[in-house]
Amino acid sequence: MPQYAILIYEKEMPVEDIPADVMEANMAAPAKIEAMGARVVDEQALQPASTATTIRKGGMVTDGPFLETKEAFAGIFVVECRDLDQAIEIGKLLPIMEGGVEIRPLHEM
C-alpha cells in the first residue's frame, strides 16, 4: 500500500493551553485510522519552532524555523493506506484549531 505524510500545521501554543477535546481527538486518531483499514507507520509531535535549527544554502546555520509564518509545523503522521482519497479522510480526522493539514505521497523505495 502507498504511504503518505500527513503534516500538521497549527498556531503555536503551550501544550497546557490546548483544549482537552483537541488533545483527546489527537490521542484517539491512531485507533480511528486503524479502524479505517489503514496503518500508522509513524507519528511524531514536534518541539516548538523556537527550538529549530536551520541550515541555509552555503552552510550558514541559524536558530529558529526556516520561514516566518503564522502557523508552525507541529507534527507528522506517516500512514500506509489505500490511496490519496483515504489519506484525505485520515487528514480530516485530525483536530485543527487554526492551522491546516497537508498530505504528501512518499516516494516508494
N, C-alpha and C. Protein backbone atom coordinates (compact mmCIF):
# COMPACT_ATOMS: atom_id res chain seq x y z
N MET A 1 0.85 -1.19 0.00
CA MET A 1 0.00 0.00 0.00
C MET A 1 0.89 1.25 0.00
N PRO A 2 0.43 2.30 -0.64
CA PRO A 2 1.22 3.53 -0.65
C PRO A 2 1.27 4.19 0.73
N GLN A 3 2.29 4.99 0.93
CA GLN A 3 2.43 5.73 2.19
C GLN A 3 2.31 7.22 1.92
N TYR A 4 1.74 7.92 2.91
CA TYR A 4 1.53 9.36 2.83
C TYR A 4 2.01 10.02 4.11
N ALA A 5 2.62 11.18 3.97
CA ALA A 5 2.96 12.01 5.13
C ALA A 5 1.79 12.96 5.33
N ILE A 6 1.26 12.98 6.53
CA ILE A 6 0.20 13.92 6.89
C ILE A 6 0.84 14.93 7.82
N LEU A 7 1.07 16.12 7.29
CA LEU A 7 1.80 17.18 8.00
C LEU A 7 0.80 18.11 8.67
N ILE A 8 0.98 18.34 9.94
CA ILE A 8 0.05 19.16 10.72
C ILE A 8 0.69 20.51 10.99
N TYR A 9 -0.02 21.57 10.62
CA TYR A 9 0.42 22.94 10.86
C TYR A 9 -0.59 23.59 11.79
N GLU A 10 -0.10 24.28 12.80
CA GLU A 10 -1.01 24.87 13.78
C GLU A 10 -0.37 26.10 14.41
N LYS A 11 -1.21 26.98 14.89
CA LYS A 11 -0.72 28.12 15.66
C LYS A 11 -0.02 27.56 16.89
N GLU A 12 1.16 28.07 17.18
CA GLU A 12 1.89 27.55 18.34
C GLU A 12 1.28 28.04 19.63
N MET A 13 1.19 27.13 20.59
CA MET A 13 0.73 27.47 21.92
C MET A 13 1.27 26.44 22.89
N PRO A 14 1.38 26.79 24.16
CA PRO A 14 1.84 25.80 25.14
C PRO A 14 0.88 24.61 25.19
N VAL A 15 1.45 23.43 25.38
CA VAL A 15 0.64 22.21 25.43
C VAL A 15 -0.50 22.34 26.42
N GLU A 16 -0.24 22.98 27.55
CA GLU A 16 -1.29 23.09 28.58
C GLU A 16 -2.46 23.98 28.14
N ASP A 17 -2.27 24.76 27.07
CA ASP A 17 -3.36 25.61 26.56
C ASP A 17 -4.20 24.94 25.48
N ILE A 18 -3.78 23.75 25.04
CA ILE A 18 -4.56 23.04 24.02
C ILE A 18 -5.82 22.49 24.68
N PRO A 19 -7.00 22.77 24.11
CA PRO A 19 -8.24 22.30 24.71
C PRO A 19 -8.26 20.78 24.88
N ALA A 20 -8.88 20.32 25.94
CA ALA A 20 -8.93 18.89 26.26
C ALA A 20 -9.53 18.08 25.13
N ASP A 21 -10.59 18.59 24.48
CA ASP A 21 -11.22 17.82 23.41
C ASP A 21 -10.28 17.65 22.21
N VAL A 22 -9.43 18.64 21.96
CA VAL A 22 -8.46 18.54 20.87
C VAL A 22 -7.40 17.50 21.23
N MET A 23 -6.92 17.51 22.45
CA MET A 23 -5.93 16.51 22.88
C MET A 23 -6.52 15.11 22.81
N GLU A 24 -7.76 14.95 23.27
CA GLU A 24 -8.42 13.64 23.23
C GLU A 24 -8.57 13.14 21.80
N ALA A 25 -8.96 14.04 20.89
CA ALA A 25 -9.11 13.66 19.48
C ALA A 25 -7.77 13.25 18.87
N ASN A 26 -6.70 13.95 19.25
CA ASN A 26 -5.37 13.58 18.77
C ASN A 26 -4.97 12.20 19.28
N MET A 27 -5.25 11.93 20.53
CA MET A 27 -4.90 10.64 21.11
C MET A 27 -5.71 9.49 20.50
N ALA A 28 -6.95 9.79 20.09
CA ALA A 28 -7.84 8.76 19.53
C ALA A 28 -7.57 8.52 18.04
N ALA A 29 -6.86 9.42 17.39
CA ALA A 29 -6.67 9.33 15.93
C ALA A 29 -6.04 8.01 15.48
N PRO A 30 -4.96 7.51 16.09
CA PRO A 30 -4.37 6.26 15.59
C PRO A 30 -5.36 5.09 15.57
N ALA A 31 -6.17 4.96 16.60
CA ALA A 31 -7.15 3.86 16.62
C ALA A 31 -8.19 4.04 15.52
N LYS A 32 -8.61 5.27 15.27
CA LYS A 32 -9.58 5.53 14.21
C LYS A 32 -8.98 5.24 12.84
N ILE A 33 -7.71 5.57 12.68
CA ILE A 33 -7.02 5.30 11.41
C ILE A 33 -6.94 3.80 11.17
N GLU A 34 -6.59 3.06 12.20
CA GLU A 34 -6.53 1.59 12.09
C GLU A 34 -7.90 1.02 11.76
N ALA A 35 -8.96 1.57 12.35
CA ALA A 35 -10.33 1.11 12.10
C ALA A 35 -10.74 1.35 10.65
N MET A 36 -10.12 2.31 9.98
CA MET A 36 -10.40 2.60 8.57
C MET A 36 -9.68 1.63 7.64
N GLY A 37 -8.88 0.72 8.20
CA GLY A 37 -8.14 -0.23 7.38
C GLY A 37 -6.79 0.29 6.93
N ALA A 38 -6.35 1.39 7.50
CA ALA A 38 -5.05 1.96 7.20
C ALA A 38 -4.11 1.65 8.37
N ARG A 39 -2.85 2.04 8.23
CA ARG A 39 -1.88 1.75 9.27
C ARG A 39 -1.02 2.98 9.53
N VAL A 40 -0.85 3.32 10.80
CA VAL A 40 0.06 4.40 11.18
C VAL A 40 1.46 3.81 11.22
N VAL A 41 2.32 4.30 10.34
CA VAL A 41 3.70 3.83 10.27
C VAL A 41 4.53 4.54 11.33
N ASP A 42 4.27 5.84 11.50
CA ASP A 42 4.98 6.64 12.49
C ASP A 42 4.17 7.89 12.79
N GLU A 43 4.32 8.41 13.97
CA GLU A 43 3.72 9.70 14.32
C GLU A 43 4.65 10.41 15.28
N GLN A 44 4.79 11.71 15.07
CA GLN A 44 5.70 12.49 15.91
C GLN A 44 5.11 13.87 16.15
N ALA A 45 5.17 14.32 17.37
CA ALA A 45 4.85 15.71 17.70
C ALA A 45 6.18 16.44 17.80
N LEU A 46 6.22 17.65 17.30
CA LEU A 46 7.47 18.39 17.28
C LEU A 46 7.56 19.39 18.43
N GLN A 47 8.76 19.68 18.84
CA GLN A 47 9.01 20.74 19.81
C GLN A 47 8.67 22.07 19.14
N PRO A 48 8.51 23.15 19.90
CA PRO A 48 8.18 24.46 19.29
C PRO A 48 9.20 24.89 18.24
N ALA A 49 8.73 25.69 17.28
CA ALA A 49 9.60 26.17 16.20
C ALA A 49 10.81 26.92 16.75
N SER A 50 10.70 27.51 17.93
CA SER A 50 11.82 28.25 18.51
C SER A 50 13.01 27.33 18.82
N THR A 51 12.80 26.02 18.85
CA THR A 51 13.89 25.08 19.11
C THR A 51 14.58 24.61 17.84
N ALA A 52 14.06 25.05 16.68
CA ALA A 52 14.60 24.60 15.39
C ALA A 52 15.97 25.19 15.11
N THR A 53 16.73 24.47 14.33
CA THR A 53 17.98 24.95 13.77
C THR A 53 17.87 24.77 12.26
N THR A 54 18.23 25.79 11.51
CA THR A 54 18.09 25.77 10.06
C THR A 54 19.46 25.91 9.42
N ILE A 55 19.71 25.11 8.39
CA ILE A 55 20.93 25.22 7.60
C ILE A 55 20.53 25.80 6.25
N ARG A 56 21.10 26.94 5.92
CA ARG A 56 20.78 27.63 4.67
C ARG A 56 21.80 27.25 3.59
N LYS A 57 21.46 27.59 2.36
CA LYS A 57 22.37 27.36 1.24
C LYS A 57 23.72 27.98 1.58
N GLY A 58 24.78 27.27 1.33
CA GLY A 58 26.11 27.77 1.65
C GLY A 58 26.57 27.30 3.02
N GLY A 59 25.69 26.62 3.77
CA GLY A 59 26.08 26.06 5.05
C GLY A 59 25.87 26.95 6.26
N MET A 60 25.28 28.15 6.09
CA MET A 60 25.04 29.02 7.24
C MET A 60 23.99 28.37 8.16
N VAL A 61 24.31 28.29 9.43
CA VAL A 61 23.41 27.71 10.42
C VAL A 61 22.79 28.83 11.23
N THR A 62 21.44 28.79 11.37
CA THR A 62 20.74 29.81 12.14
C THR A 62 19.78 29.15 13.13
N ASP A 63 19.43 29.89 14.18
CA ASP A 63 18.43 29.42 15.12
C ASP A 63 17.05 29.69 14.52
N GLY A 64 16.08 28.89 14.92
CA GLY A 64 14.70 29.15 14.52
C GLY A 64 14.30 28.43 13.25
N PRO A 65 13.03 28.53 12.93
CA PRO A 65 12.48 27.81 11.77
C PRO A 65 12.95 28.42 10.46
N PHE A 66 12.71 27.71 9.39
CA PHE A 66 13.12 28.14 8.06
C PHE A 66 12.41 29.41 7.63
N LEU A 67 11.12 29.50 7.86
CA LEU A 67 10.32 30.65 7.44
C LEU A 67 9.56 31.25 8.61
N GLU A 68 9.27 32.52 8.53
CA GLU A 68 8.38 33.17 9.49
C GLU A 68 6.94 32.95 9.02
N THR A 69 6.12 32.30 9.81
CA THR A 69 4.74 32.04 9.42
C THR A 69 3.84 32.20 10.63
N LYS A 70 2.54 32.29 10.37
CA LYS A 70 1.56 32.34 11.46
C LYS A 70 1.37 30.96 12.07
N GLU A 71 1.55 29.93 11.24
CA GLU A 71 1.38 28.56 11.70
C GLU A 71 2.73 27.86 11.65
N ALA A 72 2.95 26.97 12.58
CA ALA A 72 4.21 26.24 12.63
C ALA A 72 3.96 24.77 12.34
N PHE A 73 4.97 24.10 11.84
CA PHE A 73 4.90 22.67 11.62
C PHE A 73 4.86 22.02 12.99
N ALA A 74 3.75 21.36 13.32
CA ALA A 74 3.55 20.86 14.68
C ALA A 74 3.75 19.36 14.82
N GLY A 75 3.51 18.61 13.77
CA GLY A 75 3.65 17.17 13.88
C GLY A 75 3.42 16.49 12.56
N ILE A 76 3.67 15.18 12.57
CA ILE A 76 3.56 14.40 11.34
C ILE A 76 3.04 13.00 11.65
N PHE A 77 2.17 12.53 10.81
CA PHE A 77 1.78 11.12 10.79
C PHE A 77 2.28 10.58 9.46
N VAL A 78 2.85 9.40 9.45
CA VAL A 78 3.11 8.67 8.22
C VAL A 78 2.15 7.50 8.25
N VAL A 79 1.29 7.43 7.22
CA VAL A 79 0.28 6.38 7.18
C VAL A 79 0.44 5.57 5.91
N GLU A 80 0.06 4.31 6.02
CA GLU A 80 0.01 3.43 4.88
C GLU A 80 -1.47 3.20 4.63
N CYS A 81 -1.95 3.58 3.46
CA CYS A 81 -3.38 3.46 3.21
C CYS A 81 -3.63 3.17 1.73
N ARG A 82 -4.89 2.94 1.43
CA ARG A 82 -5.32 2.50 0.11
C ARG A 82 -4.91 3.47 -1.00
N ASP A 83 -5.20 4.78 -0.81
CA ASP A 83 -4.97 5.76 -1.86
C ASP A 83 -5.07 7.17 -1.27
N LEU A 84 -4.91 8.19 -2.13
CA LEU A 84 -4.97 9.57 -1.68
C LEU A 84 -6.32 9.90 -1.05
N ASP A 85 -7.40 9.37 -1.59
CA ASP A 85 -8.72 9.65 -1.02
C ASP A 85 -8.80 9.19 0.43
N GLN A 86 -8.27 8.02 0.73
CA GLN A 86 -8.28 7.55 2.12
C GLN A 86 -7.34 8.40 2.97
N ALA A 87 -6.22 8.82 2.43
CA ALA A 87 -5.31 9.70 3.18
C ALA A 87 -6.01 11.02 3.52
N ILE A 88 -6.80 11.54 2.60
CA ILE A 88 -7.55 12.76 2.87
C ILE A 88 -8.56 12.55 3.99
N GLU A 89 -9.25 11.43 3.98
CA GLU A 89 -10.19 11.12 5.05
C GLU A 89 -9.48 11.02 6.40
N ILE A 90 -8.29 10.45 6.40
CA ILE A 90 -7.49 10.38 7.63
C ILE A 90 -7.12 11.79 8.08
N GLY A 91 -6.68 12.63 7.15
CA GLY A 91 -6.33 14.01 7.47
C GLY A 91 -7.50 14.76 8.09
N LYS A 92 -8.71 14.48 7.64
CA LYS A 92 -9.90 15.14 8.18
C LYS A 92 -10.21 14.72 9.62
N LEU A 93 -9.68 13.58 10.04
CA LEU A 93 -9.88 13.11 11.43
C LEU A 93 -9.13 13.97 12.44
N LEU A 94 -8.06 14.60 11.99
CA LEU A 94 -7.18 15.30 12.91
C LEU A 94 -7.76 16.66 13.28
N PRO A 95 -7.84 16.94 14.57
CA PRO A 95 -8.45 18.21 15.01
C PRO A 95 -7.51 19.38 14.77
N ILE A 96 -7.97 20.33 14.01
CA ILE A 96 -7.18 21.52 13.71
C ILE A 96 -7.90 22.71 14.32
N MET A 97 -7.22 23.49 15.14
CA MET A 97 -7.83 24.65 15.77
C MET A 97 -7.79 25.85 14.83
N GLU A 98 -6.61 26.20 14.33
CA GLU A 98 -6.47 27.38 13.47
C GLU A 98 -5.53 27.13 12.30
N GLY A 99 -4.99 25.95 12.18
CA GLY A 99 -4.00 25.66 11.16
C GLY A 99 -4.56 24.87 10.01
N GLY A 100 -3.81 23.87 9.59
CA GLY A 100 -4.22 23.05 8.47
C GLY A 100 -3.44 21.76 8.43
N VAL A 101 -3.82 20.91 7.50
CA VAL A 101 -3.18 19.62 7.30
C VAL A 101 -2.74 19.54 5.84
N GLU A 102 -1.53 19.10 5.62
CA GLU A 102 -1.01 18.90 4.26
C GLU A 102 -0.73 17.42 4.09
N ILE A 103 -1.11 16.87 2.96
CA ILE A 103 -0.91 15.44 2.70
C ILE A 103 0.01 15.31 1.49
N ARG A 104 1.07 14.53 1.66
CA ARG A 104 2.01 14.31 0.56
C ARG A 104 2.30 12.83 0.42
N PRO A 105 2.24 12.32 -0.82
CA PRO A 105 2.64 10.93 -1.03
C PRO A 105 4.16 10.81 -0.84
N LEU A 106 4.58 9.70 -0.28
CA LEU A 106 6.01 9.43 -0.11
C LEU A 106 6.52 8.64 -1.30
N HIS A 107 7.78 8.83 -1.65
CA HIS A 107 8.39 8.05 -2.71
C HIS A 107 8.46 6.60 -2.26
N GLU A 108 8.16 5.70 -3.18
CA GLU A 108 8.32 4.28 -2.88
C GLU A 108 9.78 3.92 -3.13
N MET A 109 10.39 3.30 -2.14
CA MET A 109 11.80 2.95 -2.25
C MET A 109 11.94 1.48 -2.59
